[in-house]
Structures are given as C-alpha cells and as structure tokens.
Amino acid sequence: MIFLADIKIVKRNECRICGGHDLKKWLTLKDMPLTDDLRSKNNFKNEFTHNIDIYFCNDCHVSQTLDDVDYSNYYDTYNYTVGESDFANKFMRKLVDKLYSEFNLKKNSKVVEIGSSDGKQLSYFKKKGARVFGFEPSKELCALSREKGVSVYQGLFEENSINDLPSDLRKVDVVLLTYTFDHMPEPKKILLDIKKILDTENGILVLEIHDLKKILERKEYCLFEHEHTIYMSTETLERTLDKYGFELVTTDLLNESERRGNSLLAVIKLKKDNSKKILENTFMDSFDTYEKFESELRNSIDKLDQFVIEAAKKGKTIAGFGAGGRGVMTLAAMKSSKAISYICDNNIFNEEMYTPKTHIKIVSPLKLVSDPVDILIVFSYGYIDEIRKQVLSLTKKDIKIVSLLDLLMGKN
C-alpha cells in the first residue's frame, strides 16, 4: 500500500521525447489513484490520489504526462501478472514463434526483457534455446521468474542499467518491452541505452504499447494512468524511433485478434545510416484531434454510469471482473461505483483486498457461485472471451456479461 506522504511528484517543463517546451494540456482526470495501490480492509485513510493531466507536444506530437512520480516503494510489491491466462500464454507463444520464423533467430539467441514480470514470456524464448535475462522491480515477480529458471535483475530499468547485464549479454539479438516502454519516465534515454546493446546487423527491438489512436476512438479513459508517461500512435512512435536511430519494420507481426486488448505491437531495427525519414503529418499530429476529447470522454463515462444506475434501479445486482488498471481507473472515474457489489479477479494476490479510492472488495471468481449477480461488467475486456468461458463453467445462472468497451462506446 502507498500512502500520500510516501509519494513525491516533480513536474517537468519539457517533453519526454524531444525536450521541447511547447506543451498544451488536453485532458484532466481528477483525483485518480495508482492502479496497483490495493488496500487491505480498514486501511483506507491517507490514500494517494492526484490529477492526471495529459499534454500534447507541438514539436514532436507525442502526448504525455509531465508529472514524475517517485515509485521507489511502489513496484517492490507489485504483483500484476497475466501468466495464468490461457489467452495471454497463447499470445506469448505466438510472439516467440513468429519472431523466430520471421527474423531468423537462432537456438542460442540472446534475449533481454525489460519489465519481465513473472518470467513467463522469457520462458518461451528459453524453450527455444535462447539465453534470456530480465529486469523486473517486483520482488514477488522476480521470485516467480527464478522458479521458472529465468534469470532476472530486481530493479527498475533506468539510465545505465545495461551495466547490470551479465557480461555475455552486452550485445543481444532481441530486446523486448511489452507494456513497459510507455511506463518509462525517460523513454529517449532508454532507447539510446538499447542502441548500445542491440546487435547492429540483425538485432530487433520489440515494443508493445497502447495505441493512442484506439484510445481516442474507443474512449478508453481507463488507460490514462499515473504509471503511463507517454501515449503514442503508430505515427508518433515511428517519428520517435527515426529520431533516435531506429526504423519501424512492422506493426503486423500478429493479427489484432491474437493480441491483448489495445495493443500496438512493433518490431524495430537499428537504422543502417543517419538519414532522417520524412513522415507526413496525419490527424494524430494535430492538437485539434485532442481538444474536444475531454467532453467526449465525459459523455462516455456518463453512459457507463447511466447503465449502472438504471440497472440498479431495476433491482439488478452488478459485479465487475478484472482488478487491474482498467478496472481500478474505470471505477475511480465513475459516480456509480458503489452499485458494484464486488470485483472478481484471477490473481490470487488480490483476493480480499479493496480497490483504491472506491474501496470495492476483490474476490475469487468463485464468488459468482456463492453470491451470484445479474450483470457482470468485464473491465479486462481484452480477455472477455476467456472470461465468458470461465464464468459459464462456474455457474448455470443466467448472468449478463458485458464488455466495458461496449458500454463506453454506447453499445449496450
């Protein structure tokens, strides 16, 4: 748990990508918690909440936060993992298989993952014979990683963290960051460090981030988090990569149906020369695209609240599924969160804890058997097919299972 007094915030005045100072705010979400700051019972006082402000850089067109939050104690006990999800495991296997087949990786290829979680993704590389190593700040997840035989350094990947690599991994074939790059406070410095260790001829960088274009289209306000520092589209990602000596190879390595939720999955190589690619501006490069979004987002949240309030008025009982970032941030912005009876989650570390700010109890999905509800809102909508099968296997009760994404887009 994180207390308000433990968090230090420093506001920067320059862009995280290009260092520019022409920054314009386009979104504010008021009094939002940290996504993994789950609370124990009777421990709700002095919680950390803070506005999330999103800015647009008029120079490089990257959207970002300007608040640097000190996470010194936060990630030490972080335990979010998708390692038990069948869908996530299929994704990990397919990613490894595709990288090996498309980019001629060898049995002894060297792979480094930044933000390696419980080591599950690296374990699939290891099964192919790769030499693997991870960086992970969570003590609990590092322990799970080592149980899988995956070597890991406990700590955040920061400037000069490459000095913590084993000597035989100072040049590697693959650097992997899945939903990690957009957490970095200094993304440009991380790219420059990755350049130092990536094999100049055949090395590949694999990034998975949330696609800002989809966030805007689908009103996914739940993806705006304190933990996320930058928000990119394909266009701004490609422009950033070009600036720092990389080239985008593909964003189509896996079909969208094979990826998780909002996923911009990019395979990247080092450029062979210092020439700068001329990229045409698109609507994602215009501040006008973002200026009206806040009111549209408010309408989207209102639709969600309206659905919950009307269901409650009819005597319907409602629960949620997914106590990760999407669930926590969705609830924190809702006016009707008290109508949610409980939140199911498959992560056993989260059971009997409470969501930050809204204080809704997190339980095992078995709660749907002992205390069934009429409506189940799936916050982890990237896994909705898997969750639907799980719920149907647990109970014969006719539960209406709805995707948060559909509610935000008014498709209920």
Protein backbone atom coordinates (compact mmCIF):
# COMPACT_ATOMS: atom_id res chain seq x y z
CA MET A 1 0.00 0.00 0.00
CA ILE A 2 1.14 3.51 -0.80
CA PHE A 3 0.36 6.45 1.43
CA LEU A 4 0.10 10.04 0.31
CA ALA A 5 3.14 11.04 2.35
CA ASP A 6 5.29 8.38 0.63
CA ILE A 7 4.77 9.76 -2.87
CA LYS A 8 6.90 12.55 -4.27
CA ILE A 9 5.86 14.25 -7.51
CA VAL A 10 8.04 16.57 -9.55
CA LYS A 11 6.57 18.37 -12.54
CA ARG A 12 8.81 18.73 -15.56
CA ASN A 13 8.59 21.51 -18.11
CA GLU A 14 9.95 19.76 -21.19
CA CYS A 15 8.85 16.97 -23.49
CA ARG A 16 9.96 13.46 -22.54
CA ILE A 17 10.78 12.66 -26.17
CA CYS A 18 12.25 15.75 -27.83
CA GLY A 19 12.93 18.13 -24.94
CA GLY A 20 10.61 20.77 -26.40
CA HIS A 21 8.75 23.26 -24.23
CA ASP A 22 5.66 23.93 -26.38
CA LEU A 23 3.28 21.68 -24.44
CA LYS A 24 -0.51 22.04 -24.34
CA LYS A 25 -2.81 20.26 -21.91
CA TRP A 26 -5.75 18.41 -23.45
CA LEU A 27 -7.10 16.18 -20.68
CA THR A 28 -7.52 16.19 -16.91
CA LEU A 29 -8.81 13.26 -14.87
CA LYS A 30 -9.30 14.43 -11.30
CA ASP A 31 -8.15 12.66 -8.14
CA MET A 32 -7.07 9.36 -9.65
CA PRO A 33 -5.30 6.59 -7.68
CA LEU A 34 -2.36 4.39 -8.58
CA THR A 35 -3.59 1.28 -10.36
CA ASP A 36 -1.95 -1.30 -8.08
CA ASP A 37 -2.40 0.52 -4.77
CA LEU A 38 -4.87 -2.06 -3.49
CA ARG A 39 -5.93 -1.61 0.13
CA SER A 40 -6.50 -4.02 3.00
CA LYS A 41 -9.71 -3.79 5.00
CA ASN A 42 -9.90 -0.80 7.35
CA ASN A 43 -6.84 0.77 5.75
CA PHE A 44 -8.40 3.40 3.54
CA LYS A 45 -7.00 6.55 5.13
CA ASN A 46 -4.39 8.84 3.59
CA GLU A 47 -4.59 7.23 0.15
CA PHE A 48 -2.68 8.68 -2.76
CA THR A 49 -4.83 10.38 -5.38
CA HIS A 50 -3.72 13.05 -7.82
CA ASN A 51 -4.94 14.60 -11.05
CA ILE A 52 -3.79 13.00 -14.28
CA ASP A 53 -3.02 15.73 -16.81
CA ILE A 54 -2.18 14.82 -20.41
CA TYR A 55 -0.22 17.22 -22.62
CA PHE A 56 0.47 17.38 -26.36
CA CYS A 57 3.94 18.38 -27.57
CA ASN A 58 3.62 20.76 -30.50
CA ASP A 59 7.14 19.84 -31.65
CA CYS A 60 7.14 16.02 -31.80
CA HIS A 61 3.37 15.49 -31.33
CA VAL A 62 3.73 12.94 -28.53
CA SER A 63 1.08 13.02 -25.79
CA GLN A 64 2.38 12.57 -22.26
CA THR A 65 2.18 13.35 -18.58
CA LEU A 66 4.56 15.90 -17.11
CA ASP A 67 4.42 14.60 -13.54
CA ASP A 68 7.35 12.43 -12.48
CA VAL A 69 6.07 10.19 -9.71
CA ASP A 70 8.60 8.56 -7.38
CA TYR A 71 7.81 4.84 -7.45
CA SER A 72 10.67 3.78 -5.15
CA ASN A 73 8.43 1.69 -2.88
CA TYR A 74 5.52 1.10 -5.23
CA TYR A 75 6.87 -1.56 -7.57
CA ASP A 76 8.67 -3.56 -4.89
CA THR A 77 5.43 -5.39 -4.01
CA TYR A 78 3.79 -5.09 -7.44
CA ASN A 79 2.27 -8.45 -8.36
CA TYR A 80 0.25 -7.95 -11.54
CA THR A 81 0.75 -10.83 -13.93
CA VAL A 82 -1.20 -12.43 -16.77
CA GLY A 83 0.83 -15.62 -16.56
CA GLU A 84 -2.19 -17.79 -15.71
CA SER A 85 -4.31 -16.56 -18.63
CA ASP A 86 -4.65 -19.04 -21.50
CA PHE A 87 -5.13 -16.20 -23.97
CA ALA A 88 -2.03 -14.38 -22.73
CA ASN A 89 0.03 -17.55 -22.92
CA LYS A 90 -1.10 -18.18 -26.49
CA PHE A 91 -0.05 -14.63 -27.31
CA MET A 92 3.38 -15.16 -25.75
CA ARG A 93 3.96 -18.43 -27.61
CA LYS A 94 2.84 -16.98 -30.93
CA LEU A 95 5.02 -13.93 -30.43
CA VAL A 96 8.09 -16.09 -29.88
CA ASP A 97 7.26 -18.43 -32.78
CA LYS A 98 6.71 -15.50 -35.16
CA LEU A 99 9.91 -13.74 -34.13
CA TYR A 100 11.90 -16.92 -34.69
CA SER A 101 10.35 -17.64 -38.08
CA GLU A 102 10.26 -14.08 -39.44
CA PHE A 103 13.58 -12.77 -38.12
CA ASN A 104 15.78 -15.86 -38.27
CA LEU A 105 16.51 -16.12 -34.57
CA LYS A 106 18.80 -18.99 -33.60
CA LYS A 107 18.76 -21.57 -30.83
CA ASN A 108 21.39 -19.61 -28.91
CA SER A 109 19.92 -16.15 -29.50
CA LYS A 110 20.27 -13.69 -26.63
CA VAL A 111 17.08 -12.06 -25.33
CA VAL A 112 16.64 -9.32 -22.73
CA GLU A 113 13.19 -8.30 -21.48
CA ILE A 114 12.63 -5.03 -19.65
CA GLY A 115 9.68 -5.42 -17.31
CA SER A 116 9.83 -9.21 -17.38
CA SER A 117 7.05 -9.81 -14.81
CA ASP A 118 6.93 -13.44 -13.65
CA GLY A 119 9.29 -14.58 -16.42
CA LYS A 120 6.60 -16.35 -18.44
CA GLN A 121 7.36 -14.58 -21.73
CA LEU A 122 11.09 -15.22 -21.40
CA SER A 123 10.42 -18.87 -20.55
CA TYR A 124 9.04 -19.37 -24.07
CA PHE A 125 12.25 -17.95 -25.54
CA LYS A 126 14.23 -20.22 -23.23
CA LYS A 127 12.34 -23.27 -24.50
CA LYS A 128 13.69 -22.38 -27.96
CA GLY A 129 17.22 -22.49 -26.54
CA ALA A 130 17.71 -18.74 -26.10
CA ARG A 131 19.89 -17.19 -23.41
CA VAL A 132 17.45 -14.98 -21.50
CA PHE A 133 17.62 -12.28 -18.87
CA GLY A 134 15.01 -9.96 -17.37
CA PHE A 135 14.71 -6.69 -15.49
CA GLU A 136 11.82 -6.59 -13.02
CA PRO A 137 11.33 -4.31 -9.98
CA SER A 138 8.87 -6.54 -8.10
CA LYS A 139 10.40 -8.84 -5.50
CA GLU A 140 7.44 -11.23 -5.72
CA LEU A 141 7.54 -11.46 -9.52
CA CYS A 142 11.31 -11.94 -9.52
CA ALA A 143 10.86 -14.93 -7.22
CA LEU A 144 8.29 -16.44 -9.61
CA SER A 145 10.67 -15.81 -12.51
CA ARG A 146 13.56 -17.60 -10.82
CA GLU A 147 11.28 -20.56 -10.07
CA LYS A 148 10.92 -20.88 -13.87
CA GLY A 149 14.69 -20.84 -14.28
CA VAL A 150 14.63 -17.35 -15.79
CA SER A 151 17.46 -15.11 -14.60
CA VAL A 152 16.33 -11.67 -13.52
CA TYR A 153 17.72 -8.48 -12.01
CA GLN A 154 15.43 -6.92 -9.41
CA GLY A 155 15.12 -3.22 -10.13
CA LEU A 156 13.72 -0.65 -12.48
CA PHE A 157 15.44 -0.34 -15.85
CA GLU A 158 16.92 3.14 -15.76
CA GLU A 159 19.68 5.06 -17.47
CA ASN A 160 22.86 2.95 -17.39
CA SER A 161 21.02 -0.20 -16.23
CA ILE A 162 22.82 -2.02 -19.02
CA ASN A 163 25.75 -2.13 -16.59
CA ASP A 164 23.72 -4.67 -14.60
CA LEU A 165 23.63 -7.09 -17.52
CA PRO A 166 25.81 -10.23 -17.40
CA SER A 167 28.98 -9.77 -19.45
CA ASP A 168 27.82 -12.16 -22.19
CA LEU A 169 24.67 -10.09 -22.75
CA ARG A 170 26.28 -6.77 -23.61
CA LYS A 171 25.24 -7.47 -27.22
CA VAL A 172 21.87 -9.13 -27.73
CA ASP A 173 19.59 -10.28 -30.53
CA VAL A 174 16.26 -9.23 -29.01
CA VAL A 175 15.22 -6.53 -26.56
CA LEU A 176 11.60 -6.88 -25.51
CA LEU A 177 9.29 -4.40 -23.76
CA THR A 178 5.61 -5.37 -23.60
CA TYR A 179 3.53 -2.62 -21.99
CA THR A 180 6.70 -1.28 -20.36
CA PHE A 181 8.09 1.39 -22.69
CA ASP A 182 5.14 3.69 -22.03
CA HIS A 183 5.89 3.49 -18.29
CA MET A 184 9.40 4.90 -18.68
CA PRO A 185 9.99 8.42 -17.32
CA GLU A 186 12.94 8.87 -19.72
CA PRO A 187 11.97 6.96 -22.89
CA LYS A 188 14.55 8.67 -25.11
CA LYS A 189 17.39 7.68 -22.76
CA ILE A 190 16.11 4.11 -22.68
CA LEU A 191 16.18 3.99 -26.49
CA LEU A 192 19.76 5.24 -26.50
CA ASP A 193 20.76 2.57 -23.97
CA ILE A 194 19.04 -0.14 -26.01
CA LYS A 195 21.03 1.03 -29.05
CA LYS A 196 24.22 0.20 -27.18
CA ILE A 197 23.33 -3.46 -26.59
CA LEU A 198 21.32 -4.36 -29.70
CA ASP A 199 23.21 -6.30 -32.37
CA THR A 200 23.85 -3.79 -35.14
CA GLU A 201 23.20 -6.18 -38.02
CA ASN A 202 20.28 -8.37 -37.03
CA GLY A 203 19.13 -7.21 -33.60
CA ILE A 204 15.42 -6.45 -33.12
CA LEU A 205 13.58 -4.34 -30.58
CA VAL A 206 10.01 -5.44 -29.81
CA LEU A 207 7.72 -2.86 -28.23
CA GLU A 208 4.10 -3.31 -27.22
CA ILE A 209 2.28 -0.17 -26.11
CA HIS A 210 -1.28 1.11 -26.03
CA ASP A 211 -2.33 2.73 -29.30
CA LEU A 212 -3.42 6.32 -28.67
CA LYS A 213 -5.49 6.32 -31.84
CA LYS A 214 -7.58 3.44 -30.47
CA ILE A 215 -7.80 5.09 -27.05
CA LEU A 216 -9.39 8.12 -28.68
CA GLU A 217 -11.70 6.10 -30.92
CA ARG A 218 -12.89 3.81 -28.12
CA LYS A 219 -12.89 6.41 -25.30
CA GLU A 220 -10.59 4.21 -23.24
CA TYR A 221 -10.04 6.66 -20.42
CA CYS A 222 -9.11 3.71 -18.18
CA LEU A 223 -5.73 3.59 -19.96
CA PHE A 224 -4.78 7.03 -18.70
CA GLU A 225 -2.80 6.19 -15.57
CA HIS A 226 -0.17 7.80 -13.36
CA GLU A 227 2.06 4.87 -14.30
CA HIS A 228 1.88 5.70 -18.02
CA THR A 229 4.20 8.51 -19.06
CA ILE A 230 3.68 8.61 -22.84
CA TYR A 231 0.83 7.84 -25.24
CA MET A 232 1.73 7.09 -28.84
CA SER A 233 0.14 6.31 -32.17
CA THR A 234 1.93 4.45 -34.94
CA GLU A 235 2.85 7.82 -36.46
CA THR A 236 4.40 9.33 -33.35
CA LEU A 237 6.16 6.08 -32.50
CA GLU A 238 7.73 5.88 -35.95
CA ARG A 239 8.82 9.51 -35.77
CA THR A 240 10.39 8.95 -32.35
CA LEU A 241 12.21 5.84 -33.49
CA ASP A 242 13.59 7.64 -36.54
CA LYS A 243 14.85 10.48 -34.35
CA TYR A 244 16.91 8.12 -32.21
CA GLY A 245 18.38 5.87 -34.90
CA PHE A 246 15.76 3.13 -35.26
CA GLU A 247 13.39 2.12 -38.04
CA LEU A 248 9.95 0.60 -37.71
CA VAL A 249 9.83 -2.75 -39.51
CA THR A 250 6.23 -3.83 -38.90
CA THR A 251 3.21 -3.44 -36.65
CA ASP A 252 1.53 -6.51 -38.17
CA LEU A 253 3.59 -9.34 -36.71
CA LEU A 254 0.45 -10.77 -35.10
CA ASN A 255 -3.18 -10.32 -36.06
CA GLU A 256 -5.18 -7.97 -33.88
CA SER A 257 -7.32 -10.89 -32.67
CA GLU A 258 -4.16 -12.55 -31.35
CA ARG A 259 -3.12 -9.51 -29.32
CA ARG A 260 -4.33 -8.34 -25.92
CA GLY A 261 -6.84 -5.51 -25.73
CA ASN A 262 -5.44 -2.26 -27.06
CA SER A 263 -2.10 -3.38 -28.47
CA LEU A 264 0.29 -1.57 -30.78
CA LEU A 265 2.93 -4.25 -31.30
CA ALA A 266 6.00 -3.01 -33.14
CA VAL A 267 9.12 -4.78 -34.39
CA ILE A 268 12.04 -2.39 -34.82
CA LYS A 269 15.62 -2.47 -36.11
CA LEU A 270 18.57 -0.14 -35.98
CA LYS A 271 18.91 2.15 -38.98
CA LYS A 272 21.80 1.44 -41.31
CA ASP A 273 22.59 5.13 -41.79
CA ASN A 274 21.95 8.52 -40.19
CA SER A 275 19.43 9.76 -42.75
CA LYS A 276 16.14 11.14 -41.43
CA LYS A 277 12.89 9.74 -42.79
CA ILE A 278 10.34 12.32 -43.91
CA LEU A 279 6.97 11.36 -42.45
CA GLU A 280 3.79 13.12 -43.45
CA ASN A 281 1.59 14.56 -40.73
CA THR A 282 -1.78 12.91 -40.08
CA PHE A 283 -4.78 13.93 -37.98
CA MET A 284 -2.97 12.39 -34.99
CA ASP A 285 -0.38 15.15 -35.31
CA SER A 286 -2.92 17.94 -34.86
CA PHE A 287 -3.88 19.34 -31.45
CA ASP A 288 -7.42 19.78 -32.79
CA THR A 289 -7.82 15.99 -32.65
CA TYR A 290 -7.39 16.03 -28.89
CA GLU A 291 -9.01 19.32 -27.93
CA LYS A 292 -12.59 18.01 -27.97
CA PHE A 293 -11.79 14.65 -26.47
CA GLU A 294 -12.35 15.55 -22.82
CA SER A 295 -16.04 16.36 -23.35
CA GLU A 296 -16.46 13.20 -25.49
CA LEU A 297 -14.82 11.19 -22.74
CA ARG A 298 -17.14 12.66 -20.11
CA ASN A 299 -20.10 11.59 -22.25
CA SER A 300 -18.64 8.10 -22.44
CA ILE A 301 -18.28 7.86 -18.65
CA ASP A 302 -21.84 9.19 -18.28
CA LYS A 303 -23.09 6.34 -20.50
CA LEU A 304 -21.39 3.84 -18.22
CA ASP A 305 -22.83 5.48 -15.11
CA GLN A 306 -26.27 5.59 -16.69
CA PHE A 307 -26.15 1.87 -17.47
CA VAL A 308 -25.19 1.01 -13.89
CA ILE A 309 -27.69 3.39 -12.27
CA GLU A 310 -30.61 2.20 -14.42
CA ALA A 311 -29.76 -1.45 -13.76
CA ALA A 312 -29.58 -0.82 -10.01
CA LYS A 313 -32.95 0.99 -10.07
CA LYS A 314 -34.46 -2.13 -11.62
CA GLY A 315 -33.13 -4.19 -8.73
CA LYS A 316 -30.32 -5.79 -10.73
CA THR A 317 -27.15 -6.78 -8.89
CA ILE A 318 -23.84 -5.91 -10.57
CA ALA A 319 -20.24 -7.08 -10.21
CA GLY A 320 -17.07 -6.45 -12.15
CA PHE A 321 -14.33 -8.71 -13.50
CA GLY A 322 -10.72 -7.51 -13.57
CA ALA A 323 -8.96 -5.60 -10.77
CA GLY A 324 -6.08 -4.44 -12.95
CA GLY A 325 -5.55 -0.93 -14.25
CA ARG A 326 -8.67 -0.86 -16.42
CA GLY A 327 -10.90 -1.84 -13.52
CA VAL A 328 -9.30 0.44 -10.94
CA MET A 329 -9.26 3.53 -13.16
CA THR A 330 -12.76 2.94 -14.51
CA LEU A 331 -14.22 2.71 -11.03
CA ALA A 332 -12.27 5.76 -9.85
CA ALA A 333 -13.89 7.95 -12.51
CA MET A 334 -17.44 6.63 -12.06
CA LYS A 335 -20.15 8.26 -9.96
CA SER A 336 -21.99 4.96 -9.61
CA SER A 337 -19.16 2.71 -8.39
CA LYS A 338 -20.93 1.99 -5.09
CA ALA A 339 -23.50 -0.01 -7.04
CA ILE A 340 -20.80 -2.58 -7.87
CA SER A 341 -21.06 -5.41 -5.32
CA TYR A 342 -17.57 -6.84 -5.80
CA ILE A 343 -14.76 -7.31 -8.33
CA CYS A 344 -13.68 -10.78 -9.47
CA ASP A 345 -10.04 -11.35 -10.31
CA ASN A 346 -7.95 -14.42 -11.13
CA ASN A 347 -4.83 -13.06 -9.42
CA ILE A 348 -4.81 -14.77 -6.01
CA PHE A 349 -2.58 -12.00 -4.62
CA ASN A 350 -5.50 -9.58 -5.00
CA GLU A 351 -8.15 -11.59 -3.16
CA GLU A 352 -9.65 -9.94 -0.05
CA MET A 353 -8.07 -6.61 -0.98
CA TYR A 354 -10.01 -3.47 -1.92
CA THR A 355 -9.75 -1.16 -4.90
CA PRO A 356 -8.06 2.19 -4.23
CA LYS A 357 -10.33 5.22 -3.83
CA THR A 358 -13.58 3.27 -4.38
CA HIS A 359 -12.96 0.51 -1.78
CA ILE A 360 -14.73 -2.32 -3.57
CA LYS A 361 -13.78 -5.80 -2.42
CA ILE A 362 -11.77 -8.04 -4.76
CA VAL A 363 -12.73 -11.71 -4.68
CA SER A 364 -12.18 -15.02 -6.42
CA PRO A 365 -14.45 -15.69 -9.42
CA LEU A 366 -15.96 -18.45 -7.26
CA LYS A 367 -17.92 -15.65 -5.59
CA LEU A 368 -20.17 -15.77 -8.65
CA VAL A 369 -21.29 -19.20 -7.43
CA SER A 370 -21.86 -18.37 -3.75
CA ASP A 371 -23.18 -14.84 -4.31
CA PRO A 372 -24.32 -14.58 -7.94
CA VAL A 373 -25.18 -11.32 -9.67
CA ASP A 374 -27.40 -10.37 -12.59
CA ILE A 375 -24.82 -8.34 -14.54
CA LEU A 376 -21.06 -8.78 -14.83
CA ILE A 377 -19.07 -5.89 -16.32
CA VAL A 378 -15.77 -7.15 -17.74
CA PHE A 379 -13.17 -4.44 -17.19
CA SER A 380 -10.40 -6.68 -18.58
CA TYR A 381 -12.15 -6.68 -21.95
CA GLY A 382 -9.08 -7.87 -23.84
CA TYR A 383 -9.75 -11.26 -22.24
CA ILE A 384 -13.54 -11.23 -22.47
CA ASP A 385 -13.92 -14.47 -24.45
CA GLU A 386 -11.75 -16.31 -21.95
CA ILE A 387 -13.62 -14.75 -19.00
CA ARG A 388 -17.01 -15.60 -20.52
CA LYS A 389 -15.98 -19.27 -20.83
CA GLN A 390 -14.71 -19.25 -17.25
CA VAL A 391 -17.95 -17.80 -15.87
CA LEU A 392 -20.10 -20.24 -17.85
CA SER A 393 -18.03 -23.11 -16.48
CA LEU A 394 -18.60 -21.92 -12.90
CA THR A 395 -22.33 -21.25 -12.81
CA LYS A 396 -25.50 -22.03 -14.71
CA LYS A 397 -27.09 -18.77 -13.56
CA ASP A 398 -28.08 -16.50 -16.43
CA ILE A 399 -25.57 -13.69 -15.87
CA LYS A 400 -25.49 -10.88 -18.41
CA ILE A 401 -21.80 -10.48 -19.29
CA VAL A 402 -20.96 -7.12 -20.84
CA SER A 403 -17.71 -5.59 -22.01
CA LEU A 404 -16.63 -2.27 -20.52
CA LEU A 405 -15.53 -1.27 -24.00
CA ASP A 406 -19.04 -1.76 -25.38
CA LEU A 407 -20.52 0.33 -22.56
CA LEU A 408 -18.06 3.16 -23.14
CA MET A 409 -18.94 3.16 -26.83
CA GLY A 410 -22.67 3.06 -26.12
CA LYS A 411 -23.18 -0.45 -27.50
CA ASN A 412 -25.13 -1.87 -24.57
